[in-house]
Amino acid sequence: MSILYKFAMIRRELLAKLREDMEKSMKNWNKYNELKQKRLARFLPVQ
């Protein structure tokens, strides 16, 4: 195996992991925003 091939494989794995982590954090961010909206909705009159 060439070093470049190994490097490419490692890079691909890291990018896949990074994408997974980003998807997870986006889901968490969406949950957080939903909760924030619900909390605000309690205080604001319904329009």
PDB file of N, CA and C in Angstrom:
ATOM      1  N   MET A   1       0.841  -1.206   0.000  1.00  0.00           N
ATOM      2  CA  MET A   1       0.000   0.000   0.000  1.00  0.00           C
ATOM      3  C   MET A   1       0.873   1.252   0.000  1.00  0.00           C
ATOM      4  N   SER A   2       0.520   2.176  -0.833  1.00  0.00           N
ATOM      5  CA  SER A   2       1.293   3.415  -0.875  1.00  0.00           C
ATOM      6  C   SER A   2       0.866   4.345   0.260  1.00  0.00           C
ATOM      7  N   ILE A   3       1.755   5.229   0.605  1.00  0.00           N
ATOM      8  CA  ILE A   3       1.477   6.184   1.681  1.00  0.00           C
ATOM      9  C   ILE A   3       0.313   7.093   1.289  1.00  0.00           C
ATOM     10  N   LEU A   4       0.279   7.501   0.029  1.00  0.00           N
ATOM     11  CA  LEU A   4      -0.809   8.375  -0.426  1.00  0.00           C
ATOM     12  C   LEU A   4      -2.161   7.689  -0.285  1.00  0.00           C
ATOM     13  N   TYR A   5      -2.202   6.397  -0.609  1.00  0.00           N
ATOM     14  CA  TYR A   5      -3.457   5.651  -0.501  1.00  0.00           C
ATOM     15  C   TYR A   5      -3.905   5.598   0.956  1.00  0.00           C
ATOM     16  N   LYS A   6      -2.953   5.277   1.849  1.00  0.00           N
ATOM     17  CA  LYS A   6      -3.275   5.242   3.281  1.00  0.00           C
ATOM     18  C   LYS A   6      -3.790   6.593   3.743  1.00  0.00           C
ATOM     19  N   PHE A   7      -3.100   7.643   3.323  1.00  0.00           N
ATOM     20  CA  PHE A   7      -3.487   8.995   3.717  1.00  0.00           C
ATOM     21  C   PHE A   7      -4.910   9.305   3.242  1.00  0.00           C
ATOM     22  N   ALA A   8      -5.209   8.920   1.994  1.00  0.00           N
ATOM     23  CA  ALA A   8      -6.539   9.177   1.440  1.00  0.00           C
ATOM     24  C   ALA A   8      -7.607   8.427   2.231  1.00  0.00           C
ATOM     25  N   MET A   9      -7.313   7.192   2.615  1.00  0.00           N
ATOM     26  CA  MET A   9      -8.282   6.400   3.375  1.00  0.00           C
ATOM     27  C   MET A   9      -8.530   7.016   4.753  1.00  0.00           C
ATOM     28  N   ILE A  10      -7.450   7.417   5.420  1.00  0.00           N
ATOM     29  CA  ILE A  10      -7.583   8.040   6.743  1.00  0.00           C
ATOM     30  C   ILE A  10      -8.398   9.325   6.633  1.00  0.00           C
ATOM     31  N   ARG A  11      -8.094  10.115   5.611  1.00  0.00           N
ATOM     32  CA  ARG A  11      -8.799  11.379   5.408  1.00  0.00           C
ATOM     33  C   ARG A  11     -10.288  11.132   5.187  1.00  0.00           C
ATOM     34  N   ARG A  12     -10.586  10.085   4.388  1.00  0.00           N
ATOM     35  CA  ARG A  12     -11.990   9.771   4.118  1.00  0.00           C
ATOM     36  C   ARG A  12     -12.720   9.389   5.405  1.00  0.00           C
ATOM     37  N   GLU A  13     -12.060   8.573   6.236  1.00  0.00           N
ATOM     38  CA  GLU A  13     -12.668   8.178   7.507  1.00  0.00           C
ATOM     39  C   GLU A  13     -12.907   9.389   8.402  1.00  0.00           C
ATOM     40  N   LEU A  14     -11.916  10.268   8.471  1.00  0.00           N
ATOM     41  CA  LEU A  14     -12.055  11.458   9.315  1.00  0.00           C
ATOM     42  C   LEU A  14     -13.197  12.343   8.828  1.00  0.00           C
ATOM     43  N   LEU A  15     -13.296  12.519   7.520  1.00  0.00           N
ATOM     44  CA  LEU A  15     -14.369  13.353   6.975  1.00  0.00           C
ATOM     45  C   LEU A  15     -15.732  12.742   7.267  1.00  0.00           C
ATOM     46  N   ALA A  16     -15.833  11.412   7.156  1.00  0.00           N
ATOM     47  CA  ALA A  16     -17.098  10.744   7.447  1.00  0.00           C
ATOM     48  C   ALA A  16     -17.472  10.950   8.911  1.00  0.00           C
ATOM     49  N   LYS A  17     -16.491  10.821   9.792  1.00  0.00           N
ATOM     50  CA  LYS A  17     -16.750  11.017  11.223  1.00  0.00           C
ATOM     51  C   LYS A  17     -17.151  12.455  11.502  1.00  0.00           C
ATOM     52  N   LEU A  18     -16.444  13.385  10.879  1.00  0.00           N
ATOM     53  CA  LEU A  18     -16.753  14.799  11.064  1.00  0.00           C
ATOM     54  C   LEU A  18     -18.188  15.095  10.631  1.00  0.00           C
ATOM     55  N   ARG A  19     -18.588  14.515   9.481  1.00  0.00           N
ATOM     56  CA  ARG A  19     -19.942  14.738   8.986  1.00  0.00           C
ATOM     57  C   ARG A  19     -20.970  14.187   9.970  1.00  0.00           C
ATOM     58  N   GLU A  20     -20.704  12.980  10.502  1.00  0.00           N
ATOM     59  CA  GLU A  20     -21.604  12.399  11.503  1.00  0.00           C
ATOM     60  C   GLU A  20     -21.736  13.321  12.705  1.00  0.00           C
ATOM     61  N   ASP A  21     -20.600  13.790  13.204  1.00  0.00           N
ATOM     62  CA  ASP A  21     -20.610  14.672  14.376  1.00  0.00           C
ATOM     63  C   ASP A  21     -21.393  15.945  14.080  1.00  0.00           C
ATOM     64  N   MET A  22     -21.220  16.478  12.877  1.00  0.00           N
ATOM     65  CA  MET A  22     -21.935  17.700  12.515  1.00  0.00           C
ATOM     66  C   MET A  22     -23.435  17.449  12.447  1.00  0.00           C
ATOM     67  N   GLU A  23     -23.826  16.287  11.886  1.00  0.00           N
ATOM     68  CA  GLU A  23     -25.247  15.957  11.820  1.00  0.00           C
ATOM     69  C   GLU A  23     -25.834  15.853  13.221  1.00  0.00           C
ATOM     70  N   LYS A  24     -25.088  15.203  14.121  1.00  0.00           N
ATOM     71  CA  LYS A  24     -25.557  15.080  15.504  1.00  0.00           C
ATOM     72  C   LYS A  24     -25.711  16.444  16.147  1.00  0.00           C
ATOM     73  N   SER A  25     -24.720  17.299  15.978  1.00  0.00           N
ATOM     74  CA  SER A  25     -24.783  18.605  16.629  1.00  0.00           C
ATOM     75  C   SER A  25     -25.893  19.453  16.008  1.00  0.00           C
ATOM     76  N   MET A  26     -26.163  19.281  14.716  1.00  0.00           N
ATOM     77  CA  MET A  26     -27.276  20.001  14.096  1.00  0.00           C
ATOM     78  C   MET A  26     -28.596  19.553  14.697  1.00  0.00           C
ATOM     79  N   LYS A  27     -28.744  18.229  14.909  1.00  0.00           N
ATOM     80  CA  LYS A  27     -29.972  17.724  15.537  1.00  0.00           C
ATOM     81  C   LYS A  27     -30.132  18.308  16.928  1.00  0.00           C
ATOM     82  N   ASN A  28     -29.035  18.332  17.695  1.00  0.00           N
ATOM     83  CA  ASN A  28     -29.085  18.897  19.044  1.00  0.00           C
ATOM     84  C   ASN A  28     -29.435  20.375  18.996  1.00  0.00           C
ATOM     85  N   TRP A  29     -28.883  21.093  18.041  1.00  0.00           N
ATOM     86  CA  TRP A  29     -29.146  22.522  17.886  1.00  0.00           C
ATOM     87  C   TRP A  29     -30.618  22.746  17.562  1.00  0.00           C
ATOM     88  N   ASN A  30     -31.171  21.890  16.677  1.00  0.00           N
ATOM     89  CA  ASN A  30     -32.588  22.010  16.337  1.00  0.00           C
ATOM     90  C   ASN A  30     -33.462  21.764  17.557  1.00  0.00           C
ATOM     91  N   LYS A  31     -33.106  20.735  18.349  1.00  0.00           N
ATOM     92  CA  LYS A  31     -33.854  20.458  19.582  1.00  0.00           C
ATOM     93  C   LYS A  31     -33.803  21.659  20.508  1.00  0.00           C
ATOM     94  N   TYR A  32     -32.613  22.229  20.657  1.00  0.00           N
ATOM     95  CA  TYR A  32     -32.422  23.386  21.531  1.00  0.00           C
ATOM     96  C   TYR A  32     -33.288  24.555  21.062  1.00  0.00           C
ATOM     97  N   ASN A  33     -33.298  24.798  19.760  1.00  0.00           N
ATOM     98  CA  ASN A  33     -34.107  25.899  19.226  1.00  0.00           C
ATOM     99  C   ASN A  33     -35.591  25.652  19.431  1.00  0.00           C
ATOM    100  N   GLU A  34     -36.034  24.386  19.260  1.00  0.00           N
ATOM    101  CA  GLU A  34     -37.444  24.066  19.498  1.00  0.00           C
ATOM    102  C   GLU A  34     -37.818  24.358  20.943  1.00  0.00           C
ATOM    103  N   LEU A  35     -36.970  23.923  21.871  1.00  0.00           N
ATOM    104  CA  LEU A  35     -37.239  24.175  23.290  1.00  0.00           C
ATOM    105  C   LEU A  35     -37.306  25.669  23.566  1.00  0.00           C
ATOM    106  N   LYS A  36     -36.375  26.416  22.971  1.00  0.00           N
ATOM    107  CA  LYS A  36     -36.340  27.860  23.172  1.00  0.00           C
ATOM    108  C   LYS A  36     -37.639  28.484  22.655  1.00  0.00           C
ATOM    109  N   GLN A  37     -38.086  28.035  21.487  1.00  0.00           N
ATOM    110  CA  GLN A  37     -39.325  28.567  20.913  1.00  0.00           C
ATOM    111  C   GLN A  37     -40.506  28.273  21.836  1.00  0.00           C
ATOM    112  N   LYS A  38     -40.555  27.038  22.373  1.00  0.00           N
ATOM    113  CA  LYS A  38     -41.656  26.675  23.269  1.00  0.00           C
ATOM    114  C   LYS A  38     -41.638  27.542  24.518  1.00  0.00           C
ATOM    115  N   ARG A  39     -40.435  27.785  25.061  1.00  0.00           N
ATOM    116  CA  ARG A  39     -40.320  28.624  26.259  1.00  0.00           C
ATOM    117  C   ARG A  39     -40.773  30.046  25.960  1.00  0.00           C
ATOM    118  N   LEU A  40     -40.361  30.565  24.805  1.00  0.00           N
ATOM    119  CA  LEU A  40     -40.761  31.918  24.431  1.00  0.00           C
ATOM    120  C   LEU A  40     -42.267  31.987  24.215  1.00  0.00           C
ATOM    121  N   ALA A  41     -42.824  30.926  23.650  1.00  0.00           N
ATOM    122  CA  ALA A  41     -44.257  30.909  23.348  1.00  0.00           C
ATOM    123  C   ALA A  41     -45.080  31.035  24.624  1.00  0.00           C
ATOM    124  N   ARG A  42     -44.545  30.552  25.741  1.00  0.00           N
ATOM    125  CA  ARG A  42     -45.265  30.669  27.014  1.00  0.00           C
ATOM    126  C   ARG A  42     -45.426  32.126  27.411  1.00  0.00           C
ATOM    127  N   PHE A  43     -44.391  32.924  27.137  1.00  0.00           N
ATOM    128  CA  PHE A  43     -44.408  34.309  27.591  1.00  0.00           C
ATOM    129  C   PHE A  43     -45.073  35.244  26.588  1.00  0.00           C
ATOM    130  N   LEU A  44     -44.937  34.917  25.305  1.00  0.00           N
ATOM    131  CA  LEU A  44     -45.508  35.789  24.280  1.00  0.00           C
ATOM    132  C   LEU A  44     -46.956  35.411  24.014  1.00  0.00           C
ATOM    133  N   PRO A  45     -47.822  36.394  23.815  1.00  0.00           N
ATOM    134  CA  PRO A  45     -49.210  36.077  23.449  1.00  0.00           C
ATOM    135  C   PRO A  45     -49.256  35.414  22.074  1.00  0.00           C
ATOM    136  N   VAL A  46     -50.160  34.474  21.924  1.00  0.00           N
ATOM    137  CA  VAL A  46     -50.277  33.762  20.648  1.00  0.00           C
ATOM    138  C   VAL A  46     -50.834  34.716  19.612  1.00  0.00           C
ATOM    139  N   GLN A  47     -50.193  34.722  18.450  1.00  0.00           N
ATOM    140  CA  GLN A  47     -50.617  35.654  17.403  1.00  0.00           C
ATOM    141  C   GLN A  47     -51.546  34.985  16.413  1.00  0.00           C
TER     142      GLN A  47
END
